[in-house]
Structure formats: C-alpha cells, structure tokens
Protein backbone atom coordinates (compact mmCIF):
# COMPACT_ATOMS: atom_id res chain seq x y z
CA MET A 1 58.54 69.83 -19.91
CA GLN A 2 56.22 71.51 -22.36
CA ILE A 3 57.07 74.73 -24.17
CA GLY A 4 54.54 77.48 -24.71
CA SER A 5 54.28 79.90 -27.60
CA SER A 6 53.91 83.11 -25.59
CA ASP A 7 56.30 86.06 -25.65
CA ASP A 8 58.54 84.44 -23.07
CA SER A 9 58.74 81.06 -24.85
CA VAL A 10 62.36 81.68 -25.87
CA ALA A 11 63.33 82.16 -22.24
CA VAL A 12 61.40 79.07 -21.20
CA LYS A 13 63.07 77.01 -23.94
CA ALA A 14 66.46 78.15 -22.69
CA GLN A 15 65.45 77.25 -19.13
CA TYR A 16 64.47 73.69 -20.08
CA ALA A 17 66.58 72.86 -23.14
CA VAL A 18 69.30 71.28 -21.01
CA PRO A 19 68.99 69.74 -17.55
CA LYS A 20 71.54 71.98 -15.75
CA GLY A 21 69.06 74.69 -14.71
CA LEU A 22 66.46 72.12 -13.72
CA ASP A 23 69.04 70.24 -11.65
CA ILE A 24 69.90 73.47 -9.80
CA ARG A 25 66.25 73.97 -8.87
CA LEU A 26 65.62 70.34 -7.92
CA THR A 27 68.73 70.22 -5.73
CA PHE A 28 67.80 73.51 -4.07
CA HIS A 29 64.32 72.29 -3.14
CA GLU A 30 65.66 68.96 -1.92
CA LYS A 31 68.16 70.72 0.33
CA TYR A 32 65.97 73.44 1.82
CA SER A 33 62.38 72.16 1.81
CA THR A 34 61.08 71.65 5.34
CA ASN A 35 58.93 68.67 4.35
CA LYS A 36 61.57 65.97 4.05
CA GLN A 37 59.26 63.44 2.43
CA GLY A 38 60.06 65.22 -0.81
CA TYR A 39 57.57 66.48 -3.37
CA GLY A 40 58.38 63.74 -5.87
CA ALA A 41 57.96 60.97 -3.29
CA TRP A 42 54.69 62.56 -2.17
CA LEU A 43 53.39 62.60 -5.73
CA VAL A 44 54.31 58.96 -6.37
CA SER A 45 52.68 57.95 -3.07
CA HIS A 46 49.33 59.06 -4.51
CA TYR A 47 49.66 57.16 -7.79
CA ASN A 48 47.41 54.11 -7.90
CA ILE A 49 49.63 52.15 -10.28
CA ARG A 50 48.83 48.46 -10.30
CA ASN A 51 50.56 45.55 -12.01
CA GLY A 52 50.02 45.32 -15.73
CA MET A 53 49.05 48.96 -16.22
CA MET A 54 50.01 51.16 -19.16
CA VAL A 55 51.39 54.47 -17.81
CA LEU A 56 52.34 57.66 -19.65
CA GLU A 57 54.22 60.61 -18.15
CA ILE A 58 54.12 63.80 -20.22
CA GLY A 59 56.93 66.30 -19.62
CA CYS A 60 59.05 63.79 -17.69
CA GLY A 61 62.08 66.07 -17.43
CA THR A 62 65.10 64.25 -16.03
CA GLY A 63 63.00 61.33 -14.79
CA THR A 64 64.19 61.67 -11.19
CA ILE A 65 60.68 61.16 -9.80
CA TRP A 66 61.03 57.45 -10.69
CA ILE A 67 64.42 56.86 -9.06
CA GLY A 68 64.02 54.34 -6.25
CA HIS A 69 60.65 53.11 -7.54
CA GLU A 70 61.83 50.14 -9.58
CA ASN A 71 59.13 48.02 -7.94
CA ILE A 72 56.44 50.20 -9.52
CA ILE A 73 58.23 50.36 -12.88
CA SER A 74 58.72 46.60 -13.10
CA GLY A 75 55.02 46.05 -12.41
CA CYS A 76 53.93 48.24 -15.32
CA ARG A 77 53.11 46.64 -18.61
CA ARG A 78 54.76 49.74 -20.04
CA LEU A 79 55.91 53.11 -18.62
CA ILE A 80 56.36 55.67 -21.38
CA LEU A 81 58.33 58.76 -20.39
CA SER A 82 57.81 61.61 -22.84
CA ASP A 83 59.12 65.14 -23.20
CA LEU A 84 59.56 67.76 -25.92
CA SER A 85 63.23 68.18 -24.98
CA GLU A 86 65.58 65.52 -26.33
CA GLY A 87 68.16 66.70 -23.80
CA MET A 88 65.79 65.90 -20.94
CA LEU A 89 64.99 62.48 -22.39
CA GLU A 90 68.69 61.65 -22.72
CA THR A 91 69.26 62.64 -19.09
CA ALA A 92 66.25 60.59 -17.99
CA LYS A 93 67.74 57.57 -19.73
CA LYS A 94 71.02 58.08 -17.88
CA ASN A 95 69.26 58.55 -14.54
CA LEU A 96 67.05 55.48 -14.82
CA GLY A 97 69.27 53.19 -16.86
CA LYS A 98 68.05 50.56 -19.26
CA GLN A 99 64.88 48.92 -17.97
CA ASN A 100 62.68 46.60 -19.98
CA HIS A 101 59.45 48.29 -18.93
CA ILE A 102 60.47 51.88 -19.78
CA GLU A 103 60.16 53.55 -23.17
CA TYR A 104 61.33 57.11 -23.95
CA GLN A 105 59.53 59.16 -26.57
CA LYS A 106 59.46 62.76 -27.75
CA ALA A 107 55.84 63.92 -27.62
CA ASP A 108 53.65 67.03 -27.49
CA ILE A 109 50.63 66.90 -25.18
CA GLN A 110 48.63 68.81 -27.81
CA ASP A 111 49.13 66.02 -30.36
CA LEU A 112 49.90 62.78 -28.57
CA PRO A 113 51.15 59.98 -30.88
CA PHE A 114 49.09 57.27 -29.19
CA LEU A 115 45.84 55.46 -30.00
CA ASN A 116 42.57 56.17 -28.20
CA GLY A 117 42.20 54.44 -24.85
CA THR A 118 45.83 53.30 -24.59
CA PHE A 119 46.71 54.20 -20.99
CA ASP A 120 45.39 53.35 -17.55
CA ILE A 121 47.21 56.35 -16.08
CA VAL A 122 48.56 59.61 -17.51
CA ILE A 123 50.82 61.92 -15.47
CA ALA A 124 51.75 65.55 -16.17
CA ASN A 125 53.73 67.34 -13.47
CA SER A 126 54.65 71.03 -13.45
CA MET A 127 54.16 71.51 -17.18
CA LEU A 128 50.53 72.28 -18.05
CA TYR A 129 51.09 76.01 -17.47
CA HIS A 130 53.54 76.00 -20.42
CA VAL A 131 51.04 74.46 -22.89
CA PRO A 132 49.81 76.99 -25.50
CA ASP A 133 46.36 75.36 -25.82
CA ILE A 134 45.65 73.71 -22.48
CA GLU A 135 42.12 72.63 -23.43
CA LYS A 136 43.45 70.85 -26.51
CA GLY A 137 46.13 69.16 -24.43
CA LEU A 138 43.58 67.99 -21.88
CA ARG A 139 41.35 66.61 -24.64
CA GLU A 140 44.33 64.63 -25.89
CA VAL A 141 44.95 63.26 -22.39
CA ARG A 142 41.31 62.25 -22.10
CA ARG A 143 41.46 60.64 -25.56
CA VAL A 144 44.44 58.38 -24.79
CA LEU A 145 43.08 57.35 -21.37
CA LYS A 146 41.13 54.13 -21.05
CA ALA A 147 37.59 54.25 -19.66
CA GLY A 148 38.04 54.56 -15.92
CA GLY A 149 41.61 55.78 -16.32
CA ILE A 150 43.20 58.39 -14.05
CA PHE A 151 45.01 61.63 -14.88
CA TYR A 152 47.42 62.99 -12.25
CA CYS A 153 48.71 66.53 -12.74
CA ALA A 154 50.79 68.60 -10.35
CA THR A 155 51.31 72.36 -10.30
CA PHE A 156 52.06 75.30 -8.02
CA GLY A 157 49.77 77.77 -6.28
CA GLU A 158 49.47 81.52 -6.70
CA HIS A 159 50.83 82.30 -3.22
CA ASN A 160 54.34 80.98 -3.60
CA PHE A 161 57.92 81.89 -2.75
CA THR A 162 58.42 83.42 -6.21
CA ASP A 163 55.74 86.01 -5.45
CA LYS A 164 57.45 86.85 -2.15
CA LEU A 165 60.82 87.19 -3.89
CA ALA A 166 59.27 89.44 -6.54
CA GLU A 167 58.04 91.65 -3.71
CA TRP A 168 61.52 91.80 -2.18
CA PHE A 169 63.11 92.75 -5.50
CA LYS A 170 60.26 95.18 -6.29
CA LEU A 171 59.43 93.40 -9.53
CA SER A 172 56.22 94.10 -11.40
CA GLY A 173 54.89 94.57 -14.90
CA GLU A 174 57.33 93.36 -17.55
CA ASP A 175 59.94 92.54 -14.89
CA PHE A 176 57.81 89.85 -13.27
CA LYS A 177 55.16 87.98 -15.19
CA PRO A 178 54.21 84.95 -13.08
CA ASN A 179 52.84 82.09 -15.12
CA HIS A 180 49.38 81.52 -13.69
CA ASN A 181 48.03 79.70 -16.74
CA PHE A 182 47.41 76.56 -14.67
CA THR A 183 47.59 76.76 -10.87
CA MET A 184 46.10 75.08 -7.82
CA GLN A 185 43.61 77.96 -7.77
CA ASN A 186 42.35 77.82 -11.37
CA GLY A 187 43.33 74.30 -12.45
CA LYS A 188 40.08 72.59 -11.47
CA GLU A 189 38.04 74.88 -13.71
CA LYS A 190 40.33 74.18 -16.67
CA LEU A 191 40.32 70.44 -16.03
CA SER A 192 36.51 70.39 -15.89
CA THR A 193 36.39 70.88 -19.67
CA SER A 194 37.56 67.27 -20.06
CA PHE A 195 37.03 65.58 -16.67
CA GLU A 196 34.04 65.28 -14.34
CA ASP A 197 35.58 63.85 -11.16
CA ILE A 198 38.43 66.13 -9.97
CA THR A 199 40.09 66.08 -6.56
CA SER A 200 42.71 68.61 -5.45
CA ILE A 201 45.26 68.00 -2.67
CA PHE A 202 47.98 70.29 -1.33
CA TYR A 203 51.52 69.41 -0.30
CA GLU A 204 52.46 71.11 2.98
CA ASP A 205 55.93 72.62 2.69
CA SER A 206 58.13 75.73 2.99
CA LEU A 207 61.76 76.75 2.42
CA HIS A 208 64.30 77.26 5.22
CA ILE A 209 67.43 78.51 3.45
CA THR A 210 70.67 78.62 5.42
CA GLU A 211 73.12 79.38 2.60
CA THR A 212 72.27 82.57 0.69
CA GLU A 213 74.55 81.71 -2.23
CA ASP A 214 72.34 78.76 -3.10
CA LEU A 215 69.34 81.08 -3.36
CA VAL A 216 71.37 83.47 -5.54
CA GLU A 217 72.17 80.60 -7.91
CA TYR A 218 68.55 79.46 -7.89
CA LEU A 219 67.27 82.93 -8.79
CA ARG A 220 69.72 83.18 -11.65
CA SER A 221 68.30 79.95 -13.14
CA LEU A 222 64.74 81.29 -13.43
CA ALA A 223 63.57 82.59 -16.79
CA SER A 224 60.75 84.59 -15.17
CA PHE A 225 63.29 86.51 -13.04
CA LYS A 226 65.26 88.06 -15.91
CA ALA A 227 65.33 91.45 -14.15
CA VAL A 228 67.05 89.79 -11.20
CA ILE A 229 69.46 87.87 -13.43
CA ASP A 230 70.54 91.19 -14.94
CA LEU A 231 71.37 92.66 -11.52
CA PRO A 232 74.96 92.58 -10.22
CA VAL A 233 75.40 89.59 -7.92
CA GLN A 234 76.41 91.94 -5.10
CA LYS A 235 73.03 93.69 -5.36
CA ILE A 236 71.16 90.37 -5.24
CA ARG A 237 73.08 89.39 -2.12
CA ALA A 238 72.40 92.75 -0.47
CA ILE A 239 68.64 92.49 -1.00
CA LEU A 240 68.55 88.93 0.33
CA ARG A 241 70.54 89.99 3.42
CA GLU A 242 67.75 92.44 4.24
CA HIS A 243 65.41 89.47 4.64
CA THR A 244 67.76 87.18 6.53
CA ALA A 245 66.95 86.49 10.17
CA GLY A 246 69.05 84.33 12.48
CA GLY A 247 71.29 83.37 9.57
CA SER A 248 68.47 81.98 7.42
CA ILE A 249 65.75 82.97 4.97
CA ASP A 250 62.26 81.50 5.23
CA LEU A 251 59.88 81.41 2.28
CA PRO A 252 56.41 79.92 1.67
CA LYS A 253 55.76 77.11 -0.80
CA GLU A 254 52.42 76.23 -2.34
CA TYR A 255 52.29 73.08 -4.43
CA GLY A 256 49.78 70.33 -5.00
CA MET A 257 48.15 68.00 -7.48
CA PHE A 258 44.82 67.18 -9.12
CA ILE A 259 43.49 63.65 -9.49
CA CYS A 260 41.07 63.41 -12.40
CA ARG A 261 38.84 60.58 -13.51
C-alpha cells in the first residue's frame, strides 16, 4: 500500500492504516468473484521466480498473496515484503509466520532503501495509482532491478464495478473521483518512461453477489465512496434492490497486470 499526497490522501490513509477494511474487500472478492482461480493466485502464476532469486514486493498489504506458496518463498534467496503501513506489515507477519527467507521492511517506492541492481524481480500490486510521483517511483524500481530483471505490477481498468455503482448512486464530481492515475488503459504509457519491453494481460472476472448486505459493507469500506458512506443504510439497500435480479446483483470487473523488462 502506497499513500498519495492528493486531496483525498487522508481518506486513503484511513482506508489502509489498518487491515480491517482491506480484509473486508479481499473477503468480498473471494466470495463473489466468478473466476474461482482467484486474482492473487493468477498473479503468482505469472511470476517467473526461480531458485536463488532476490524478490521485492512493494505495498505488500497483508501478505495474503503469498499464503500457500511456501515452495516459491523457500526457493528465494530473499523475499522482502515492504509497505508504508506498519499495521499492514504486522498483519503480514502474522499471516505468513516466521520464515527464514522473508524479511519485512517499511519502504516508500519513491525512495527505496536498497542498492542499485539488488533484485531479480520487483512486484507492485494495486498501489501505483496512490504514488504521488509515479515516474520517480518507477525510476526507483528500475534502479534496484538487476540487468534483465522483471517488474510485475497489477492494477484495475477504467471500466470497473465501481464505475457502475457510481452510476447507480448518481455520483459525480466531488462525490465520485475515481483514481485513474495508473490503470490498465494508461499504465503502459507511464511505464514506458522507465521500461522498454512491456506486456499487458487481463484477468477475466466479474462479480455475482447473492447477499446484498455484503455489498453494503463493502461500499462502506471504500474511501472514494464517501457520499455513499454518508447515506442511511436503508437508502443504500433500497438503491441496490433496484438493481437486483433473480436474487443477485451482477457487476463487471476489469483487472490485469503489466510485465516489464
């Protein structure tokens, strides 16, 4: 998790300072995503991590992406999980337990505390859009990568379920300011300032929600949906009922990743 310095940075800090809100969102997607492979498992399946490699994850959050992948972790010379939030790092330690090959470190992508050419692989998932100076952050990633190293970064698209929900709740202007600082649509252009070989791949998925209360809770965990959070819960439920068909709500998802060399 990386915090920006924009007008909504206070809300973003509150959203990520402790893992509770993140856990709500992760659990929601795990429960209602139609692609049962799971986004995290899909991401890891694309990582070309070989024995003896030095690996850095920036904005590791609660570290859940690595649960069940002890075979990859044990093969690393070192896996450094970093985040700006000490609360996230503490939760990651609890989730993954003590493992000889893992190190936890507080770090800012804009000023990475590592020597040039340290890592074979750098990973940054769902966090680049929070970075105040993305170009500076990407230069730092390039700096700490070895020659021939790989940078994996995941993000969302601009045609996502949040946009559909904003339409349902008639949000616009100050009420809904989607963070499109780094998306599947514009990410390649931003990455090209530091990388020459960039591949983009999309994760096919959608949401099939059968319990409206879970969506209510999810919405109330989103910093960008403050106008919805301020609504009475009964009003939120009423609007969602208008878009329920056959006892469920269906929403699009657009996520993917870039592989940069």
